[in-house]
N, C-alpha and C. Protein backbone atom coordinates (compact mmCIF):
# COMPACT_ATOMS: atom_id res chain seq x y z
N UNK A 1 70.35 93.50 137.67
CA UNK A 1 70.90 93.92 138.89
C UNK A 1 72.51 94.47 138.85
N UNK A 2 72.16 95.58 139.31
CA UNK A 2 73.68 96.45 139.31
C UNK A 2 74.64 95.29 139.72
N UNK A 3 76.25 95.81 139.70
CA UNK A 3 77.08 94.72 140.46
C UNK A 3 77.73 95.77 140.89
N UNK A 4 78.35 95.59 142.38
CA UNK A 4 78.85 96.94 143.08
C UNK A 4 80.26 96.37 143.15
N UNK A 5 81.02 97.29 143.53
CA UNK A 5 83.03 96.65 143.24
C UNK A 5 83.28 97.64 144.97
N UNK A 6 83.55 96.53 145.87
CA UNK A 6 84.13 97.21 146.97
C UNK A 6 86.23 96.94 147.11
N UNK A 7 86.53 97.97 148.14
CA UNK A 7 88.08 97.49 148.60
C UNK A 7 87.30 97.17 150.24
N UNK A 8 87.83 96.44 151.01
CA UNK A 8 88.13 97.13 152.39
C UNK A 8 89.30 97.49 152.92
N UNK A 9 88.89 98.78 153.73
CA UNK A 9 90.30 99.21 154.31
C UNK A 9 90.98 98.93 155.24
N UNK A 10 90.18 98.07 156.06
CA UNK A 10 91.53 97.13 156.87
C UNK A 10 92.37 96.20 156.19
N UNK A 11 91.76 95.45 155.16
CA UNK A 11 92.32 94.43 154.60
C UNK A 11 92.99 93.86 153.24
N UNK A 12 92.52 95.55 152.80
CA UNK A 12 92.53 96.17 151.18
C UNK A 12 91.94 94.77 150.08
N UNK A 13 91.75 93.98 150.90
CA UNK A 13 90.89 92.90 150.21
C UNK A 13 89.90 93.86 149.07
N UNK A 14 89.42 93.44 147.70
CA UNK A 14 88.56 93.91 146.77
C UNK A 14 87.13 92.60 145.79
N UNK A 15 86.34 92.90 145.68
CA UNK A 15 85.29 91.89 146.01
C UNK A 15 83.83 92.89 145.51
N UNK A 16 83.07 91.98 144.60
CA UNK A 16 82.16 92.34 143.91
C UNK A 16 80.97 91.77 144.63
N UNK A 17 79.38 92.53 144.30
CA UNK A 17 77.95 91.87 144.59
C UNK A 17 77.12 92.69 143.79
N UNK A 18 76.01 91.44 143.40
CA UNK A 18 75.62 91.69 142.33
C UNK A 18 74.52 91.56 143.15
N UNK A 19 73.48 93.32 143.08
CA UNK A 19 72.18 93.32 144.61
C UNK A 19 71.27 94.78 143.53
N UNK A 20 69.81 95.12 143.93
CA UNK A 20 69.47 95.28 143.75
C UNK A 20 69.83 97.16 144.27
N UNK A 21 69.02 97.68 143.80
CA UNK A 21 69.84 99.56 144.55
C UNK A 21 69.59 99.36 145.75
N UNK A 22 67.73 99.23 146.36
CA UNK A 22 67.27 99.11 147.22
C UNK A 22 68.13 97.58 147.91
N UNK A 23 68.68 97.11 148.17
CA UNK A 23 69.03 96.17 148.32
C UNK A 23 70.98 96.22 148.84
N UNK A 24 71.12 97.14 147.92
CA UNK A 24 72.46 98.09 148.24
C UNK A 24 72.45 99.64 149.57
N UNK A 25 71.13 99.64 149.42
CA UNK A 25 70.83 100.85 150.35
C UNK A 25 70.75 100.73 151.33
N UNK A 26 69.97 99.27 151.38
CA UNK A 26 69.14 98.72 153.00
C UNK A 26 70.50 97.37 153.74
N UNK A 27 71.24 97.46 153.05
CA UNK A 27 72.42 96.23 153.93
C UNK A 27 73.01 96.19 154.32
N UNK A 28 73.95 95.99 155.42
CA UNK A 28 74.82 96.09 155.93
C UNK A 28 75.96 95.12 154.85
N UNK A 29 76.99 96.25 154.72
CA UNK A 29 78.51 95.46 153.78
C UNK A 29 80.01 95.64 154.91
N UNK A 30 79.70 94.41 154.23
CA UNK A 30 80.80 93.40 155.07
C UNK A 30 81.61 92.68 154.42
N UNK A 31 83.36 93.04 154.56
CA UNK A 31 84.11 92.16 153.51
C UNK A 31 83.91 90.59 154.15
N UNK A 32 83.89 90.54 152.83
CA UNK A 32 83.87 88.80 152.67
C UNK A 32 84.90 88.10 153.42
N UNK A 33 86.58 88.65 153.54
CA UNK A 33 87.86 88.39 153.68
C UNK A 33 87.62 87.99 155.14
N UNK A 34 87.56 89.76 155.56
CA UNK A 34 87.60 89.61 157.73
C UNK A 34 86.67 90.35 158.01
N UNK A 35 85.48 89.80 157.53
CA UNK A 35 84.17 89.91 157.72
C UNK A 35 83.81 91.51 158.84
N UNK A 36 85.15 93.03 158.28
CA UNK A 36 85.25 94.21 158.56
C UNK A 36 84.11 94.85 158.14
N UNK A 37 82.90 96.23 158.97
CA UNK A 37 81.70 96.31 158.45
C UNK A 37 82.41 97.99 158.40
N UNK A 38 81.74 98.79 158.21
CA UNK A 38 81.99 99.84 157.68
C UNK A 38 83.10 100.77 157.16
N UNK A 39 83.91 99.76 156.76
CA UNK A 39 85.65 100.29 155.86
C UNK A 39 85.69 99.59 154.85
N UNK A 40 83.99 99.63 153.89
CA UNK A 40 83.98 99.73 152.58
C UNK A 40 84.20 100.77 151.93
N UNK A 41 84.60 100.97 150.75
CA UNK A 41 84.12 102.09 150.18
C UNK A 41 83.28 101.51 148.34
N UNK A 42 82.55 102.71 148.20
CA UNK A 42 82.19 101.58 146.91
C UNK A 42 82.66 102.31 145.47
N UNK A 43 84.22 101.06 144.47
CA UNK A 43 84.55 102.07 143.87
C UNK A 43 83.72 102.74 142.71
N UNK A 44 82.82 101.22 142.27
CA UNK A 44 81.96 101.94 140.75
C UNK A 44 80.80 101.14 140.24
N UNK A 45 80.02 101.60 140.05
CA UNK A 45 78.89 100.10 139.53
C UNK A 45 78.68 99.69 137.85
N UNK A 46 78.86 99.35 137.65
CA UNK A 46 78.98 98.66 136.21
C UNK A 46 77.60 98.97 135.81
N UNK A 47 76.41 99.49 136.14
CA UNK A 47 75.22 100.08 135.73
C UNK A 47 75.60 100.67 134.39
N UNK A 48 76.32 102.19 135.39
CA UNK A 48 76.55 102.99 134.31
C UNK A 48 77.59 102.79 133.09
N UNK A 49 78.23 101.90 133.50
CA UNK A 49 79.10 101.48 132.09
C UNK A 49 78.51 100.73 131.12
N UNK A 50 77.26 100.22 131.07
CA UNK A 50 76.45 99.83 130.36
C UNK A 50 75.26 100.65 129.85
N UNK A 51 75.03 101.96 130.60
CA UNK A 51 73.75 102.45 129.87
C UNK A 51 74.79 103.26 128.05
N UNK A 52 75.62 103.20 128.03
CA UNK A 52 75.78 103.62 126.11
C UNK A 52 76.65 102.93 125.69
N UNK A 53 76.07 101.48 126.02
CA UNK A 53 77.23 100.81 125.35
C UNK A 53 75.93 100.24 123.97
N UNK A 54 76.41 99.66 123.27
CA UNK A 54 75.75 98.31 122.44
C UNK A 54 75.13 97.09 122.67
N UNK A 55 74.43 96.50 122.32
CA UNK A 55 73.77 94.91 123.06
C UNK A 55 75.48 94.33 122.49
N UNK A 56 76.03 94.78 121.48
CA UNK A 56 77.15 93.91 120.58
C UNK A 56 78.39 93.75 121.87
N UNK A 57 78.67 94.95 122.78
CA UNK A 57 79.48 95.90 123.17
C UNK A 57 79.31 94.98 124.80
N UNK A 58 77.82 94.75 124.99
CA UNK A 58 77.53 94.04 126.42
C UNK A 58 77.96 92.78 126.81
N UNK A 59 77.45 92.22 125.44
CA UNK A 59 77.53 90.81 125.31
C UNK A 59 79.54 90.68 125.29
N UNK A 60 79.83 91.49 124.62
CA UNK A 60 81.32 91.07 124.76
C UNK A 60 82.06 91.62 125.72
N UNK A 61 81.34 92.07 126.85
CA UNK A 61 81.96 92.44 127.64
C UNK A 61 81.47 91.35 128.42
N UNK A 62 80.48 90.53 128.59
CA UNK A 62 79.92 89.62 129.64
C UNK A 62 80.62 87.84 128.81
N UNK A 63 81.60 87.88 128.45
CA UNK A 63 82.05 87.08 127.30
C UNK A 63 83.12 87.01 128.61
N UNK A 64 84.38 88.44 128.45
CA UNK A 64 85.23 88.60 128.83
C UNK A 64 85.46 88.90 130.54
N UNK A 65 83.97 88.92 131.09
CA UNK A 65 84.33 89.00 132.85
C UNK A 65 84.47 87.55 132.94
N UNK A 66 83.11 86.46 132.01
CA UNK A 66 83.27 85.64 132.50
C UNK A 66 84.65 84.83 132.13
N UNK A 67 85.15 85.09 131.38
CA UNK A 67 86.81 84.34 131.33
C UNK A 67 87.25 84.64 132.45
N UNK A 68 87.43 85.99 132.86
CA UNK A 68 88.01 86.06 133.91
C UNK A 68 88.16 85.28 135.11
N UNK A 69 86.60 85.40 134.98
CA UNK A 69 85.75 84.55 136.61
C UNK A 69 86.35 83.18 136.58
N UNK A 70 86.32 83.00 135.52
CA UNK A 70 86.29 81.13 135.34
C UNK A 70 87.88 80.87 135.82
N UNK A 71 89.05 82.34 134.98
CA UNK A 71 90.43 81.88 135.48
C UNK A 71 90.45 81.51 136.89
N UNK A 72 90.06 82.71 137.75
CA UNK A 72 90.25 82.89 138.87
C UNK A 72 89.52 81.09 139.53
N UNK A 73 88.45 80.95 139.60
CA UNK A 73 88.01 79.37 139.72
C UNK A 73 88.77 78.67 139.48
N UNK A 74 89.37 78.62 138.69
CA UNK A 74 90.55 77.60 137.94
C UNK A 74 91.61 77.48 138.98
N UNK A 75 91.75 78.97 139.48
CA UNK A 75 92.86 79.56 140.03
C UNK A 75 93.17 79.06 141.50
N UNK A 76 92.05 78.77 141.81
CA UNK A 76 91.49 78.38 143.53
C UNK A 76 90.85 79.98 144.41
N UNK A 77 91.11 80.63 143.20
CA UNK A 77 90.36 82.13 144.36
C UNK A 77 89.07 82.14 145.23
N UNK A 78 89.38 82.07 146.28
CA UNK A 78 88.64 81.43 147.51
C UNK A 78 87.36 82.62 147.47
N UNK A 79 87.86 84.30 147.35
CA UNK A 79 86.69 85.47 147.40
C UNK A 79 86.13 85.00 146.22
N UNK A 80 86.38 84.56 144.97
CA UNK A 80 85.88 84.89 143.43
C UNK A 80 84.54 83.72 143.93
N UNK A 81 84.72 81.93 144.17
CA UNK A 81 84.80 81.33 144.76
C UNK A 81 82.95 81.63 145.63
N UNK A 82 83.30 82.25 146.49
CA UNK A 82 82.40 82.39 147.14
C UNK A 82 81.29 84.17 146.78
N UNK A 83 82.14 84.65 146.11
CA UNK A 83 81.25 85.35 145.58
C UNK A 83 79.80 84.91 144.80
N UNK A 84 80.10 83.73 143.88
CA UNK A 84 79.71 82.50 143.14
C UNK A 84 78.62 81.67 143.99
N UNK A 85 79.36 81.34 144.63
CA UNK A 85 78.19 80.13 145.29
C UNK A 85 77.93 81.01 146.95
N UNK A 86 78.01 81.95 147.27
CA UNK A 86 77.82 82.06 148.36
C UNK A 86 78.82 81.05 150.08
N UNK A 87 78.94 82.02 151.48
CA UNK A 87 79.70 81.08 152.19
C UNK A 87 78.66 79.87 152.66
N UNK A 88 79.46 79.26 153.29
CA UNK A 88 78.75 77.38 154.30
C UNK A 88 79.37 77.93 155.03
């Protein structure tokens, strides 16, 4: 599933979400920080980044991204925790 990256124009919060292309097209995108809608801009989709990469490069990139996520969770980054576990 593609991972989409967003930034909120109202609060400048940055976050990402993995969803299918049809989910992306049909979903209402809201900021996970301030709940603002129709103010989000897609920065990039990671699908395009992987198209020309080798298997080794993809695995290495996934490991690096996982390390970043682990550090954010260890530091208590609530946006990252919500992105992974969802809202409660």
